[in-house]
Structure formats: C-alpha cells, structure tokens
Amino acid sequence: MAEYLKPEKKQELFQKYGKTAADTGSPESQIALFTYRIAHLTKHVNENKKDVVTRRSLLRLVGKRRQILDYLKEIDIERYRSIIKELGLRR
C-alpha cells in the first residue's frame, strides 16, 4: 500500500463521493480515487523528470479514469456533470 494512500483516506473519498462509505465500486468513487492518485503521481513526476515507469503508470491511470468518465457520461449525463464539477476536472 502506498504511503500517501492510507485506508483512512480511501474511506474518506468513498464516503464523500460514493453512495455509502462501503461503496467502492460506483463510478463516482472510482473516479475520485483515481483523481487523488493522479494528483499525487503528477507531483512526483514533475519532481523526478527521469522516472519513466511512474510516468507510464500515471498515463494508464488517466486512461482508466477517462474510460470510467465516458461510461458514466453514457449512462447518466447528470451524474457525469456533477462529478466533473465536484472534482474540478476539465472537459
């Protein structure tokens, strides 16, 4: 488990963006978790320019988040718009 992503922080994210605290599978909670991880990895990659492995992991995470966002956009546009607004994502 990464040091920056403690179980308490995950619970907090799931409680805030999911339907319940135990709701780890809803698109909103997944997107929130990915966004938190992406922010942390972006900071790391900016400080460590030559860390290619982390950069690749970051790009994979961004792609996964994009897939979930596209899925959410197709099934419920209002939920999509609200999560974009809450997390401050572009697009």
PDB file of N, CA and C in Angstrom:
ATOM      1  N   MET A   1       0.861  -1.185   0.000  1.00  0.00           N
ATOM      2  CA  MET A   1       0.000   0.000   0.000  1.00  0.00           C
ATOM      3  C   MET A   1       0.893   1.230   0.000  1.00  0.00           C
ATOM      4  N   ALA A   2       0.584   2.150  -0.854  1.00  0.00           N
ATOM      5  CA  ALA A   2       1.367   3.372  -0.940  1.00  0.00           C
ATOM      6  C   ALA A   2       1.220   4.179   0.347  1.00  0.00           C
ATOM      7  N   GLU A   3       2.284   4.827   0.716  1.00  0.00           N
ATOM      8  CA  GLU A   3       2.296   5.596   1.957  1.00  0.00           C
ATOM      9  C   GLU A   3       1.298   6.754   1.920  1.00  0.00           C
ATOM     10  N   TYR A   4       1.138   7.373   0.776  1.00  0.00           N
ATOM     11  CA  TYR A   4       0.247   8.524   0.677  1.00  0.00           C
ATOM     12  C   TYR A   4      -1.228   8.135   0.679  1.00  0.00           C
ATOM     13  N   LEU A   5      -1.528   6.873   0.371  1.00  0.00           N
ATOM     14  CA  LEU A   5      -2.924   6.451   0.248  1.00  0.00           C
ATOM     15  C   LEU A   5      -3.267   5.478   1.375  1.00  0.00           C
ATOM     16  N   LYS A   6      -3.475   6.037   2.529  1.00  0.00           N
ATOM     17  CA  LYS A   6      -3.811   5.232   3.700  1.00  0.00           C
ATOM     18  C   LYS A   6      -5.278   4.801   3.638  1.00  0.00           C
ATOM     19  N   PRO A   7      -5.628   3.713   4.314  1.00  0.00           N
ATOM     20  CA  PRO A   7      -7.025   3.249   4.307  1.00  0.00           C
ATOM     21  C   PRO A   7      -8.024   4.319   4.778  1.00  0.00           C
ATOM     22  N   GLU A   8      -7.599   5.154   5.712  1.00  0.00           N
ATOM     23  CA  GLU A   8      -8.484   6.215   6.200  1.00  0.00           C
ATOM     24  C   GLU A   8      -8.821   7.199   5.082  1.00  0.00           C
ATOM     25  N   LYS A   9      -7.816   7.513   4.262  1.00  0.00           N
ATOM     26  CA  LYS A   9      -8.024   8.456   3.156  1.00  0.00           C
ATOM     27  C   LYS A   9      -8.959   7.849   2.111  1.00  0.00           C
ATOM     28  N   LYS A  10      -8.778   6.556   1.839  1.00  0.00           N
ATOM     29  CA  LYS A  10      -9.662   5.878   0.886  1.00  0.00           C
ATOM     30  C   LYS A  10     -11.104   5.895   1.394  1.00  0.00           C
ATOM     31  N   GLN A  11     -11.290   5.582   2.680  1.00  0.00           N
ATOM     32  CA  GLN A  11     -12.630   5.591   3.270  1.00  0.00           C
ATOM     33  C   GLN A  11     -13.261   6.976   3.148  1.00  0.00           C
ATOM     34  N   GLU A  12     -12.454   7.986   3.405  1.00  0.00           N
ATOM     35  CA  GLU A  12     -12.942   9.368   3.312  1.00  0.00           C
ATOM     36  C   GLU A  12     -13.414   9.683   1.883  1.00  0.00           C
ATOM     37  N   LEU A  13     -12.630   9.275   0.900  1.00  0.00           N
ATOM     38  CA  LEU A  13     -13.008   9.506  -0.503  1.00  0.00           C
ATOM     39  C   LEU A  13     -14.284   8.745  -0.858  1.00  0.00           C
ATOM     40  N   PHE A  14     -14.369   7.487  -0.446  1.00  0.00           N
ATOM     41  CA  PHE A  14     -15.544   6.678  -0.767  1.00  0.00           C
ATOM     42  C   PHE A  14     -16.788   7.226  -0.080  1.00  0.00           C
ATOM     43  N   GLN A  15     -16.616   7.715   1.140  1.00  0.00           N
ATOM     44  CA  GLN A  15     -17.762   8.258   1.871  1.00  0.00           C
ATOM     45  C   GLN A  15     -18.252   9.549   1.229  1.00  0.00           C
ATOM     46  N   LYS A  16     -17.315  10.368   0.769  1.00  0.00           N
ATOM     47  CA  LYS A  16     -17.678  11.662   0.198  1.00  0.00           C
ATOM     48  C   LYS A  16     -18.316  11.524  -1.194  1.00  0.00           C
ATOM     49  N   TYR A  17     -17.755  10.651  -2.024  1.00  0.00           N
ATOM     50  CA  TYR A  17     -18.202  10.565  -3.413  1.00  0.00           C
ATOM     51  C   TYR A  17     -19.065   9.355  -3.725  1.00  0.00           C
ATOM     52  N   GLY A  18     -19.025   8.323  -2.886  1.00  0.00           N
ATOM     53  CA  GLY A  18     -19.840   7.142  -3.123  1.00  0.00           C
ATOM     54  C   GLY A  18     -21.212   7.288  -2.495  1.00  0.00           C
ATOM     55  N   LYS A  19     -22.027   6.275  -2.691  1.00  0.00           N
ATOM     56  CA  LYS A  19     -23.369   6.305  -2.097  1.00  0.00           C
ATOM     57  C   LYS A  19     -23.299   6.040  -0.591  1.00  0.00           C
ATOM     58  N   THR A  20     -22.393   5.131  -0.184  1.00  0.00           N
ATOM     59  CA  THR A  20     -22.139   4.853   1.231  1.00  0.00           C
ATOM     60  C   THR A  20     -20.635   4.785   1.439  1.00  0.00           C
ATOM     61  N   ALA A  21     -20.219   4.608   2.690  1.00  0.00           N
ATOM     62  CA  ALA A  21     -18.782   4.515   2.970  1.00  0.00           C
ATOM     63  C   ALA A  21     -18.191   3.229   2.404  1.00  0.00           C
ATOM     64  N   ALA A  22     -19.012   2.187   2.273  1.00  0.00           N
ATOM     65  CA  ALA A  22     -18.529   0.906   1.758  1.00  0.00           C
ATOM     66  C   ALA A  22     -18.671   0.807   0.237  1.00  0.00           C
ATOM     67  N   ASP A  23     -19.142   1.858  -0.396  1.00  0.00           N
ATOM     68  CA  ASP A  23     -19.378   1.853  -1.837  1.00  0.00           C
ATOM     69  C   ASP A  23     -18.078   2.136  -2.572  1.00  0.00           C
ATOM     70  N   THR A  24     -17.349   1.067  -2.887  1.00  0.00           N
ATOM     71  CA  THR A  24     -16.060   1.231  -3.551  1.00  0.00           C
ATOM     72  C   THR A  24     -16.159   1.016  -5.053  1.00  0.00           C
ATOM     73  N   GLY A  25     -17.311   0.619  -5.549  1.00  0.00           N
ATOM     74  CA  GLY A  25     -17.419   0.249  -6.951  1.00  0.00           C
ATOM     75  C   GLY A  25     -18.158   1.226  -7.824  1.00  0.00           C
ATOM     76  N   SER A  26     -18.805   2.228  -7.240  1.00  0.00           N
ATOM     77  CA  SER A  26     -19.552   3.162  -8.079  1.00  0.00           C
ATOM     78  C   SER A  26     -18.577   3.991  -8.912  1.00  0.00           C
ATOM     79  N   PRO A  27     -18.985   4.399 -10.094  1.00  0.00           N
ATOM     80  CA  PRO A  27     -18.088   5.185 -10.952  1.00  0.00           C
ATOM     81  C   PRO A  27     -17.584   6.456 -10.254  1.00  0.00           C
ATOM     82  N   GLU A  28     -18.443   7.104  -9.489  1.00  0.00           N
ATOM     83  CA  GLU A  28     -18.040   8.337  -8.825  1.00  0.00           C
ATOM     84  C   GLU A  28     -16.901   8.103  -7.826  1.00  0.00           C
ATOM     85  N   SER A  29     -17.009   7.040  -7.039  1.00  0.00           N
ATOM     86  CA  SER A  29     -15.965   6.771  -6.051  1.00  0.00           C
ATOM     87  C   SER A  29     -14.666   6.337  -6.733  1.00  0.00           C
ATOM     88  N   GLN A  30     -14.773   5.577  -7.818  1.00  0.00           N
ATOM     89  CA  GLN A  30     -13.583   5.178  -8.567  1.00  0.00           C
ATOM     90  C   GLN A  30     -12.883   6.398  -9.167  1.00  0.00           C
ATOM     91  N   ILE A  31     -13.660   7.298  -9.755  1.00  0.00           N
ATOM     92  CA  ILE A  31     -13.099   8.499 -10.372  1.00  0.00           C
ATOM     93  C   ILE A  31     -12.418   9.365  -9.321  1.00  0.00           C
ATOM     94  N   ALA A  32     -13.039   9.494  -8.151  1.00  0.00           N
ATOM     95  CA  ALA A  32     -12.450  10.294  -7.070  1.00  0.00           C
ATOM     96  C   ALA A  32     -11.118   9.694  -6.615  1.00  0.00           C
ATOM     97  N   LEU A  33     -11.082   8.385  -6.469  1.00  0.00           N
ATOM     98  CA  LEU A  33      -9.846   7.717  -6.051  1.00  0.00           C
ATOM     99  C   LEU A  33      -8.755   7.892  -7.103  1.00  0.00           C
ATOM    100  N   PHE A  34      -9.097   7.681  -8.370  1.00  0.00           N
ATOM    101  CA  PHE A  34      -8.117   7.858  -9.445  1.00  0.00           C
ATOM    102  C   PHE A  34      -7.613   9.294  -9.494  1.00  0.00           C
ATOM    103  N   THR A  35      -8.499  10.261  -9.288  1.00  0.00           N
ATOM    104  CA  THR A  35      -8.107  11.669  -9.330  1.00  0.00           C
ATOM    105  C   THR A  35      -7.115  11.979  -8.225  1.00  0.00           C
ATOM    106  N   TYR A  36      -7.361  11.437  -7.042  1.00  0.00           N
ATOM    107  CA  TYR A  36      -6.437  11.642  -5.929  1.00  0.00           C
ATOM    108  C   TYR A  36      -5.060  11.045  -6.253  1.00  0.00           C
ATOM    109  N   ARG A  37      -5.060   9.831  -6.786  1.00  0.00           N
ATOM    110  CA  ARG A  37      -3.797   9.171  -7.132  1.00  0.00           C
ATOM    111  C   ARG A  37      -3.078   9.905  -8.263  1.00  0.00           C
ATOM    112  N   ILE A  38      -3.839  10.391  -9.246  1.00  0.00           N
ATOM    113  CA  ILE A  38      -3.243  11.114 -10.370  1.00  0.00           C
ATOM    114  C   ILE A  38      -2.572  12.397  -9.886  1.00  0.00           C
ATOM    115  N   ALA A  39      -3.216  13.109  -8.969  1.00  0.00           N
ATOM    116  CA  ALA A  39      -2.632  14.348  -8.433  1.00  0.00           C
ATOM    117  C   ALA A  39      -1.305  14.062  -7.735  1.00  0.00           C
ATOM    118  N   HIS A  40      -1.275  12.983  -6.964  1.00  0.00           N
ATOM    119  CA  HIS A  40      -0.043  12.632  -6.251  1.00  0.00           C
ATOM    120  C   HIS A  40       1.063  12.240  -7.226  1.00  0.00           C
ATOM    121  N   LEU A  41       0.742  11.406  -8.204  1.00  0.00           N
ATOM    122  CA  LEU A  41       1.753  10.960  -9.164  1.00  0.00           C
ATOM    123  C   LEU A  41       2.236  12.107 -10.055  1.00  0.00           C
ATOM    124  N   THR A  42       1.354  13.034 -10.376  1.00  0.00           N
ATOM    125  CA  THR A  42       1.749  14.187 -11.192  1.00  0.00           C
ATOM    126  C   THR A  42       2.820  14.996 -10.477  1.00  0.00           C
ATOM    127  N   LYS A  43       2.603  15.205  -9.180  1.00  0.00           N
ATOM    128  CA  LYS A  43       3.595  15.937  -8.383  1.00  0.00           C
ATOM    129  C   LYS A  43       4.934  15.195  -8.385  1.00  0.00           C
ATOM    130  N   HIS A  44       4.874  13.880  -8.209  1.00  0.00           N
ATOM    131  CA  HIS A  44       6.096  13.077  -8.206  1.00  0.00           C
ATOM    132  C   HIS A  44       6.827  13.146  -9.544  1.00  0.00           C
ATOM    133  N   VAL A  45       6.082  13.026 -10.636  1.00  0.00           N
ATOM    134  CA  VAL A  45       6.695  13.026 -11.964  1.00  0.00           C
ATOM    135  C   VAL A  45       7.306  14.390 -12.281  1.00  0.00           C
ATOM    136  N   ASN A  46       6.664  15.468 -11.815  1.00  0.00           N
ATOM    137  CA  ASN A  46       7.230  16.804 -12.040  1.00  0.00           C
ATOM    138  C   ASN A  46       8.546  16.986 -11.296  1.00  0.00           C
ATOM    139  N   GLU A  47       8.674  16.364 -10.127  1.00  0.00           N
ATOM    140  CA  GLU A  47       9.912  16.472  -9.350  1.00  0.00           C
ATOM    141  C   GLU A  47      10.989  15.516  -9.862  1.00  0.00           C
ATOM    142  N   ASN A  48      10.584  14.383 -10.438  1.00  0.00           N
ATOM    143  CA  ASN A  48      11.519  13.353 -10.890  1.00  0.00           C
ATOM    144  C   ASN A  48      11.330  13.123 -12.387  1.00  0.00           C
ATOM    145  N   LYS A  49      11.925  13.992 -13.183  1.00  0.00           N
ATOM    146  CA  LYS A  49      11.699  14.006 -14.628  1.00  0.00           C
ATOM    147  C   LYS A  49      12.066  12.690 -15.313  1.00  0.00           C
ATOM    148  N   LYS A  50      13.047  11.978 -14.781  1.00  0.00           N
ATOM    149  CA  LYS A  50      13.519  10.773 -15.462  1.00  0.00           C
ATOM    150  C   LYS A  50      12.828   9.491 -15.027  1.00  0.00           C
ATOM    151  N   ASP A  51      11.851   9.599 -14.172  1.00  0.00           N
ATOM    152  CA  ASP A  51      11.127   8.427 -13.688  1.00  0.00           C
ATOM    153  C   ASP A  51      10.074   8.006 -14.723  1.00  0.00           C
ATOM    154  N   VAL A  52      10.513   7.239 -15.687  1.00  0.00           N
ATOM    155  CA  VAL A  52       9.663   6.863 -16.813  1.00  0.00           C
ATOM    156  C   VAL A  52       8.585   5.857 -16.392  1.00  0.00           C
ATOM    157  N   VAL A  53       8.906   4.983 -15.467  1.00  0.00           N
ATOM    158  CA  VAL A  53       7.956   3.965 -15.029  1.00  0.00           C
ATOM    159  C   VAL A  53       6.739   4.617 -14.358  1.00  0.00           C
ATOM    160  N   THR A  54       6.990   5.576 -13.498  1.00  0.00           N
ATOM    161  CA  THR A  54       5.881   6.275 -12.843  1.00  0.00           C
ATOM    162  C   THR A  54       5.086   7.082 -13.850  1.00  0.00           C
ATOM    163  N   ARG A  55       5.761   7.680 -14.819  1.00  0.00           N
ATOM    164  CA  ARG A  55       5.060   8.437 -15.857  1.00  0.00           C
ATOM    165  C   ARG A  55       4.111   7.526 -16.629  1.00  0.00           C
ATOM    166  N   ARG A  56       4.558   6.325 -16.929  1.00  0.00           N
ATOM    167  CA  ARG A  56       3.714   5.371 -17.653  1.00  0.00           C
ATOM    168  C   ARG A  56       2.514   4.965 -16.793  1.00  0.00           C
ATOM    169  N   SER A  57       2.751   4.729 -15.512  1.00  0.00           N
ATOM    170  CA  SER A  57       1.658   4.396 -14.589  1.00  0.00           C
ATOM    171  C   SER A  57       0.649   5.536 -14.515  1.00  0.00           C
ATOM    172  N   LEU A  58       1.141   6.755 -14.500  1.00  0.00           N
ATOM    173  CA  LEU A  58       0.275   7.930 -14.468  1.00  0.00           C
ATOM    174  C   LEU A  58      -0.604   7.987 -15.716  1.00  0.00           C
ATOM    175  N   LEU A  59      -0.016   7.740 -16.868  1.00  0.00           N
ATOM    176  CA  LEU A  59      -0.788   7.766 -18.114  1.00  0.00           C
ATOM    177  C   LEU A  59      -1.839   6.663 -18.145  1.00  0.00           C
ATOM    178  N   ARG A  60      -1.518   5.493 -17.602  1.00  0.00           N
ATOM    179  CA  ARG A  60      -2.502   4.402 -17.532  1.00  0.00           C
ATOM    180  C   ARG A  60      -3.662   4.786 -16.623  1.00  0.00           C
ATOM    181  N   LEU A  61      -3.358   5.415 -15.501  1.00  0.00           N
ATOM    182  CA  LEU A  61      -4.406   5.846 -14.575  1.00  0.00           C
ATOM    183  C   LEU A  61      -5.319   6.888 -15.219  1.00  0.00           C
ATOM    184  N   VAL A  62      -4.724   7.823 -15.947  1.00  0.00           N
ATOM    185  CA  VAL A  62      -5.513   8.849 -16.631  1.00  0.00           C
ATOM    186  C   VAL A  62      -6.434   8.189 -17.656  1.00  0.00           C
ATOM    187  N   GLY A  63      -5.930   7.180 -18.358  1.00  0.00           N
ATOM    188  CA  GLY A  63      -6.741   6.457 -19.335  1.00  0.00           C
ATOM    189  C   GLY A  63      -7.891   5.711 -18.685  1.00  0.00           C
ATOM    190  N   LYS A  64      -7.621   5.073 -17.540  1.00  0.00           N
ATOM    191  CA  LYS A  64      -8.681   4.357 -16.821  1.00  0.00           C
ATOM    192  C   LYS A  64      -9.761   5.316 -16.350  1.00  0.00           C
ATOM    193  N   ARG A  65      -9.332   6.460 -15.812  1.00  0.00           N
ATOM    194  CA  ARG A  65     -10.302   7.449 -15.348  1.00  0.00           C
ATOM    195  C   ARG A  65     -11.151   7.954 -16.513  1.00  0.00           C
ATOM    196  N   ARG A  66     -10.505   8.158 -17.652  1.00  0.00           N
ATOM    197  CA  ARG A  66     -11.230   8.627 -18.837  1.00  0.00           C
ATOM    198  C   ARG A  66     -12.283   7.607 -19.273  1.00  0.00           C
ATOM    199  N   GLN A  67     -11.922   6.315 -19.225  1.00  0.00           N
ATOM    200  CA  GLN A  67     -12.871   5.257 -19.592  1.00  0.00           C
ATOM    201  C   GLN A  67     -14.089   5.271 -18.671  1.00  0.00           C
ATOM    202  N   ILE A  68     -13.844   5.401 -17.376  1.00  0.00           N
ATOM    203  CA  ILE A  68     -14.961   5.411 -16.426  1.00  0.00           C
ATOM    204  C   ILE A  68     -15.813   6.660 -16.626  1.00  0.00           C
ATOM    205  N   LEU A  69     -15.168   7.797 -16.897  1.00  0.00           N
ATOM    206  CA  LEU A  69     -15.919   9.027 -17.163  1.00  0.00           C
ATOM    207  C   LEU A  69     -16.789   8.882 -18.415  1.00  0.00           C
ATOM    208  N   ASP A  70     -16.233   8.270 -19.456  1.00  0.00           N
ATOM    209  CA  ASP A  70     -17.006   8.052 -20.684  1.00  0.00           C
ATOM    210  C   ASP A  70     -18.198   7.140 -20.426  1.00  0.00           C
ATOM    211  N   TYR A  71     -17.985   6.101 -19.632  1.00  0.00           N
ATOM    212  CA  TYR A  71     -19.071   5.189 -19.270  1.00  0.00           C
ATOM    213  C   TYR A  71     -20.166   5.930 -18.519  1.00  0.00           C
ATOM    214  N   LEU A  72     -19.761   6.735 -17.542  1.00  0.00           N
ATOM    215  CA  LEU A  72     -20.724   7.479 -16.741  1.00  0.00           C
ATOM    216  C   LEU A  72     -21.487   8.483 -17.598  1.00  0.00           C
ATOM    217  N   LYS A  73     -20.794   9.068 -18.557  1.00  0.00           N
ATOM    218  CA  LYS A  73     -21.431  10.041 -19.457  1.00  0.00           C
ATOM    219  C   LYS A  73     -22.521   9.366 -20.283  1.00  0.00           C
ATOM    220  N   GLU A  74     -22.283   8.125 -20.686  1.00  0.00           N
ATOM    221  CA  GLU A  74     -23.268   7.396 -21.489  1.00  0.00           C
ATOM    222  C   GLU A  74     -24.486   6.975 -20.676  1.00  0.00           C
ATOM    223  N   ILE A  75     -24.269   6.533 -19.429  1.00  0.00           N
ATOM    224  CA  ILE A  75     -25.407   6.010 -18.665  1.00  0.00           C
ATOM    225  C   ILE A  75     -26.200   7.098 -17.952  1.00  0.00           C
ATOM    226  N   ASP A  76     -25.510   8.170 -17.484  1.00  0.00           N
ATOM    227  CA  ASP A  76     -26.224   9.220 -16.744  1.00  0.00           C
ATOM    228  C   ASP A  76     -25.437  10.528 -16.833  1.00  0.00           C
ATOM    229  N   ILE A  77     -25.857  11.395 -17.742  1.00  0.00           N
ATOM    230  CA  ILE A  77     -25.123  12.637 -18.011  1.00  0.00           C
ATOM    231  C   ILE A  77     -25.108  13.570 -16.799  1.00  0.00           C
ATOM    232  N   GLU A  78     -26.162  13.545 -15.990  1.00  0.00           N
ATOM    233  CA  GLU A  78     -26.209  14.431 -14.820  1.00  0.00           C
ATOM    234  C   GLU A  78     -25.185  14.025 -13.768  1.00  0.00           C
ATOM    235  N   ARG A  79     -25.040  12.733 -13.520  1.00  0.00           N
ATOM    236  CA  ARG A  79     -24.014  12.258 -12.577  1.00  0.00           C
ATOM    237  C   ARG A  79     -22.626  12.609 -13.096  1.00  0.00           C
ATOM    238  N   TYR A  80     -22.433  12.488 -14.408  1.00  0.00           N
ATOM    239  CA  TYR A  80     -21.163  12.834 -15.047  1.00  0.00           C
ATOM    240  C   TYR A  80     -20.842  14.308 -14.811  1.00  0.00           C
ATOM    241  N   ARG A  81     -21.810  15.161 -15.072  1.00  0.00           N
ATOM    242  CA  ARG A  81     -21.589  16.602 -14.912  1.00  0.00           C
ATOM    243  C   ARG A  81     -21.305  16.970 -13.459  1.00  0.00           C
ATOM    244  N   SER A  82     -21.997  16.322 -12.526  1.00  0.00           N
ATOM    245  CA  SER A  82     -21.798  16.661 -11.118  1.00  0.00           C
ATOM    246  C   SER A  82     -20.410  16.233 -10.633  1.00  0.00           C
ATOM    247  N   ILE A  83     -19.939  15.051 -11.043  1.00  0.00           N
ATOM    248  CA  ILE A  83     -18.616  14.600 -10.583  1.00  0.00           C
ATOM    249  C   ILE A  83     -17.502  15.441 -11.211  1.00  0.00           C
ATOM    250  N   ILE A  84     -17.690  15.852 -12.465  1.00  0.00           N
ATOM    251  CA  ILE A  84     -16.716  16.721 -13.126  1.00  0.00           C
ATOM    252  C   ILE A  84     -16.614  18.050 -12.364  1.00  0.00           C
ATOM    253  N   LYS A  85     -17.764  18.584 -11.993  1.00  0.00           N
ATOM    254  CA  LYS A  85     -17.802  19.863 -11.292  1.00  0.00           C
ATOM    255  C   LYS A  85     -17.200  19.740  -9.892  1.00  0.00           C
ATOM    256  N   GLU A  86     -17.557  18.679  -9.166  1.00  0.00           N
ATOM    257  CA  GLU A  86     -17.060  18.480  -7.799  1.00  0.00           C
ATOM    258  C   GLU A  86     -15.544  18.337  -7.751  1.00  0.00           C
ATOM    259  N   LEU A  87     -14.996  17.568  -8.700  1.00  0.00           N
ATOM    260  CA  LEU A  87     -13.561  17.294  -8.677  1.00  0.00           C
ATOM    261  C   LEU A  87     -12.758  18.360  -9.440  1.00  0.00           C
ATOM    262  N   GLY A  88     -13.457  19.238 -10.139  1.00  0.00           N
ATOM    263  CA  GLY A  88     -12.763  20.299 -10.876  1.00  0.00           C
ATOM    264  C   GLY A  88     -11.992  19.792 -12.076  1.00  0.00           C
ATOM    265  N   LEU A  89     -12.534  18.776 -12.743  1.00  0.00           N
ATOM    266  CA  LEU A  89     -11.867  18.226 -13.927  1.00  0.00           C
ATOM    267  C   LEU A  89     -12.251  19.033 -15.157  1.00  0.00           C
ATOM    268  N   ARG A  90     -11.349  19.088 -16.130  1.00  0.00           N
ATOM    269  CA  ARG A  90     -11.665  19.766 -17.382  1.00  0.00           C
ATOM    270  C   ARG A  90     -12.475  18.831 -18.258  1.00  0.00           C
ATOM    271  N   ARG A  91     -13.151  19.415 -19.262  1.00  0.00           N
ATOM    272  CA  ARG A  91     -13.871  18.673 -20.283  1.00  0.00           C
ATOM    273  C   ARG A  91     -15.340  18.719 -20.175  1.00  0.00           C
TER     274      ARG A  91
END
